[in-house]
């Protein structure tokens, strides 16, 4: 009971679950194409970020992807794997990385979801459209604890995504605490315990 309460306190109620489907993905660091079930890709990670974007050959997407790649080590340190996803083919993903100087050292796995099978069960996708700018954070069994949907012409803050996942990772190991807005992920002093909140609440009552 205590464990389930801790998880609820940290992340709130889950907002859905991704389907365990088989997808193709390109791994730029290995320069190879793989085909795996979602569970096989995510089961060993505490958290997973699914970073959906409209299409490979567009102006804004490479800018987001470049910044995401620059922060990739921060995600790995937070026990988190990152996947970028669009409706483009694997061939398109591979060509994009090989031809764009901004993505020369791109390391993040690039998934191809041609039919939108990941997002359609969540009512976040229409078959006739490209993907919106959608960010999902899931557990290792694809339970979704965080989602954000952006307009096509609004860039996402990768620094904010880093802050969110670092705090979630910290709270995973310290379920009796909360994280303030500007908490230093390397310092426990910037956290607030549940006991402190309860005492303050009792005083207000």
Protein backbone atom coordinates (compact mmCIF):
# COMPACT_ATOMS: atom_id res chain seq x y z
CA UNK A 1 0.00 0.00 0.00
CA UNK A 2 2.83 2.37 0.87
CA UNK A 3 4.57 1.70 -2.45
CA UNK A 4 1.46 2.44 -4.53
CA UNK A 5 0.83 5.61 -2.49
CA UNK A 6 4.40 6.74 -3.13
CA UNK A 7 4.07 6.28 -6.86
CA UNK A 8 0.73 8.09 -6.85
CA UNK A 9 2.18 10.96 -4.85
CA UNK A 10 5.11 11.34 -7.23
CA UNK A 11 3.47 11.13 -10.59
CA UNK A 12 -0.26 11.47 -10.14
CA UNK A 13 -2.64 9.18 -11.96
CA UNK A 14 -1.47 7.74 -15.26
CA UNK A 15 -3.19 9.23 -18.28
CA UNK A 16 -3.07 6.19 -20.50
CA UNK A 17 -0.79 3.56 -21.89
CA UNK A 18 1.00 3.14 -25.19
CA UNK A 19 0.19 -0.01 -27.17
CA UNK A 20 2.91 -2.68 -27.32
CA UNK A 21 3.39 -2.64 -31.07
CA UNK A 22 6.35 -3.56 -33.25
CA UNK A 23 8.17 -0.62 -34.83
CA UNK A 24 11.14 -0.01 -37.07
CA UNK A 25 13.79 2.35 -35.79
CA UNK A 26 17.11 3.70 -36.95
CA UNK A 27 19.97 3.92 -34.46
CA UNK A 28 22.34 6.64 -35.75
CA UNK A 29 25.07 5.74 -33.25
CA UNK A 30 25.25 2.22 -34.71
CA UNK A 31 24.10 3.21 -38.21
CA UNK A 32 21.74 0.25 -38.21
CA UNK A 33 18.01 -0.39 -38.60
CA UNK A 34 16.15 -2.52 -36.05
CA UNK A 35 12.64 -3.90 -35.63
CA UNK A 36 11.44 -4.44 -32.06
CA UNK A 37 8.37 -4.50 -29.87
CA UNK A 38 7.94 -1.43 -27.69
CA UNK A 39 8.35 -3.47 -24.50
CA UNK A 40 11.73 -4.80 -25.62
CA UNK A 41 12.94 -1.24 -26.18
CA UNK A 42 11.70 0.28 -22.93
CA UNK A 43 11.67 -2.43 -20.24
CA UNK A 44 15.17 -1.68 -18.89
CA UNK A 45 14.66 2.08 -18.51
CA UNK A 46 13.12 3.81 -15.50
CA UNK A 47 11.55 6.38 -17.85
CA UNK A 48 11.18 6.85 -21.59
CA UNK A 49 10.65 10.03 -23.55
CA UNK A 50 8.71 9.76 -26.81
CA UNK A 51 9.35 12.93 -28.78
CA UNK A 52 6.91 13.21 -31.69
CA UNK A 53 7.54 15.73 -34.46
CA UNK A 54 5.78 16.54 -37.78
CA UNK A 55 8.39 15.50 -40.36
CA UNK A 56 12.09 15.15 -41.06
CA UNK A 57 12.62 17.78 -43.71
CA UNK A 58 11.18 20.86 -42.06
CA UNK A 59 12.76 24.00 -40.62
CA UNK A 60 11.93 23.74 -36.92
CA UNK A 61 12.29 19.99 -36.34
CA UNK A 62 16.09 19.81 -36.81
CA UNK A 63 16.48 22.67 -34.33
CA UNK A 64 14.54 20.74 -31.69
CA UNK A 65 16.35 17.51 -32.49
CA UNK A 66 19.76 19.16 -32.28
CA UNK A 67 19.02 20.55 -28.80
CA UNK A 68 17.57 17.21 -27.71
CA UNK A 69 20.74 15.48 -28.82
CA UNK A 70 22.91 18.01 -26.95
CA UNK A 71 21.06 17.08 -23.74
CA UNK A 72 21.04 13.34 -24.41
CA UNK A 73 23.63 12.53 -21.72
CA UNK A 74 21.52 14.35 -19.12
CA UNK A 75 18.60 12.08 -19.96
CA UNK A 76 20.76 8.96 -19.73
CA UNK A 77 22.07 10.09 -16.33
CA UNK A 78 18.44 10.31 -15.24
CA UNK A 79 17.87 6.65 -16.23
CA UNK A 80 15.84 7.77 -19.22
CA UNK A 81 15.94 6.70 -22.86
CA UNK A 82 14.77 9.04 -25.61
CA UNK A 83 13.02 8.19 -28.87
CA UNK A 84 12.14 10.65 -31.63
CA UNK A 85 9.19 9.68 -33.80
CA UNK A 86 7.51 10.88 -36.97
CA UNK A 87 5.50 9.35 -39.80
CA UNK A 88 8.55 9.44 -42.05
CA UNK A 89 10.10 6.22 -43.27
CA UNK A 90 13.29 4.77 -41.85
CA UNK A 91 15.00 5.70 -45.12
CA UNK A 92 13.96 9.32 -44.56
CA UNK A 93 15.29 9.27 -40.98
CA UNK A 94 18.61 7.89 -42.14
CA UNK A 95 18.91 10.41 -44.96
CA UNK A 96 18.05 13.30 -42.65
CA UNK A 97 20.84 12.49 -40.23
CA UNK A 98 23.34 11.89 -43.02
CA UNK A 99 22.61 15.12 -44.90
CA UNK A 100 21.96 17.71 -42.18
CA UNK A 101 25.15 19.20 -40.68
CA UNK A 102 23.21 20.10 -37.52
CA UNK A 103 22.55 16.39 -36.89
CA UNK A 104 26.03 15.07 -37.70
CA UNK A 105 26.52 13.59 -34.21
CA UNK A 106 22.90 12.63 -33.62
CA UNK A 107 22.67 9.63 -31.25
CA UNK A 108 18.98 9.24 -30.46
CA UNK A 109 16.94 6.35 -31.82
CA UNK A 110 14.55 7.41 -34.60
CA UNK A 111 11.25 5.51 -34.75
CA UNK A 112 9.03 5.28 -37.80
CA UNK A 113 5.29 5.15 -37.07
CA UNK A 114 3.85 5.43 -40.57
CA UNK A 115 0.24 4.78 -39.57
CA UNK A 116 0.21 6.59 -36.24
CA UNK A 117 -0.40 3.40 -34.27
CA UNK A 118 1.20 4.80 -31.10
CA UNK A 119 -0.89 7.97 -30.90
CA UNK A 120 -4.22 6.92 -32.41
CA UNK A 121 -5.44 5.01 -29.29
CA UNK A 122 -4.84 8.22 -27.28
CA UNK A 123 -6.90 10.35 -29.71
CA UNK A 124 -3.83 12.51 -30.39
CA UNK A 125 -3.56 11.83 -34.09
CA UNK A 126 -5.59 11.98 -37.30
CA UNK A 127 -4.68 9.68 -40.18
CA UNK A 128 -4.70 12.51 -42.73
CA UNK A 129 -2.24 14.68 -40.81
CA UNK A 130 1.39 14.64 -39.77
CA UNK A 131 2.14 14.34 -36.06
CA UNK A 132 1.75 17.35 -33.82
CA UNK A 133 4.64 18.31 -31.54
CA UNK A 134 3.85 15.88 -28.76
CA UNK A 135 6.04 14.83 -25.82
CA UNK A 136 5.21 11.79 -23.69
CA UNK A 137 7.06 10.47 -20.65
CA UNK A 138 6.31 6.87 -19.77
CA UNK A 139 7.40 4.22 -17.31
CA UNK A 140 9.25 1.13 -18.50
CA UNK A 141 5.91 -0.56 -19.27
CA UNK A 142 4.69 2.43 -21.32
CA UNK A 143 2.30 3.86 -18.70
CA UNK A 144 2.10 7.58 -19.51
CA UNK A 145 2.73 9.99 -16.64
CA UNK A 146 3.40 13.18 -18.58
CA UNK A 147 2.12 14.56 -21.87
CA UNK A 148 2.40 17.89 -23.66
CA UNK A 149 0.94 18.87 -27.03
CA UNK A 150 2.26 21.94 -28.85
CA UNK A 151 1.10 23.76 -32.00
CA UNK A 152 3.13 23.08 -35.12
CA UNK A 153 4.75 26.52 -35.01
CA UNK A 154 5.76 26.49 -31.32
CA UNK A 155 9.17 25.14 -30.34
CA UNK A 156 9.53 23.00 -27.26
CA UNK A 157 11.87 23.84 -24.38
CA UNK A 158 14.36 20.99 -24.09
CA UNK A 159 15.77 22.53 -20.90
CA UNK A 160 12.33 22.29 -19.30
CA UNK A 161 12.06 18.67 -20.42
CA UNK A 162 15.46 17.97 -18.80
CA UNK A 163 14.34 19.61 -15.57
CA UNK A 164 11.13 17.57 -15.53
CA UNK A 165 12.80 14.21 -16.10
CA UNK A 166 15.61 14.89 -13.62
CA UNK A 167 13.06 15.72 -10.94
CA UNK A 168 10.97 12.65 -11.77
CA UNK A 169 14.05 10.46 -11.55
CA UNK A 170 15.01 12.02 -8.21
CA UNK A 171 11.53 11.46 -6.80
CA UNK A 172 11.54 7.87 -7.99
CA UNK A 173 14.32 7.23 -5.45
CA UNK A 174 13.02 9.71 -2.84
CA UNK A 175 9.23 9.24 -2.76
CA UNK A 176 8.87 11.15 0.54
CA UNK A 177 9.90 14.44 -1.06
CA UNK A 178 8.66 17.03 -3.54
CA UNK A 179 10.67 19.14 -5.96
CA UNK A 180 10.47 22.90 -6.08
CA UNK A 181 10.51 24.79 -9.37
CA UNK A 182 14.23 25.59 -9.34
CA UNK A 183 15.53 22.51 -7.55
CA UNK A 184 19.14 21.71 -8.27
CA UNK A 185 19.07 18.04 -9.35
CA UNK A 186 22.42 17.54 -7.59
CA UNK A 187 21.27 18.92 -4.25
CA UNK A 188 18.82 17.35 -1.81
CA UNK A 189 18.49 20.66 0.04
CA UNK A 190 16.09 22.08 -2.55
CA UNK A 191 13.40 19.50 -1.83
CA UNK A 192 10.37 19.58 0.42
CA UNK A 193 9.15 16.58 2.39
CA UNK A 194 5.55 15.47 2.55
CA UNK A 195 5.71 15.74 6.35
CA UNK A 196 6.55 19.45 6.07
CA UNK A 197 3.59 20.04 3.79
CA UNK A 198 1.27 18.12 6.11
CA UNK A 199 2.41 20.17 9.14
CA UNK A 200 1.86 23.45 7.29
CA UNK A 201 -1.55 22.26 6.14
CA UNK A 202 -2.53 21.39 9.71
CA UNK A 203 -1.51 24.88 10.87
CA UNK A 204 -3.66 26.48 8.17
CA UNK A 205 -6.62 24.39 9.25
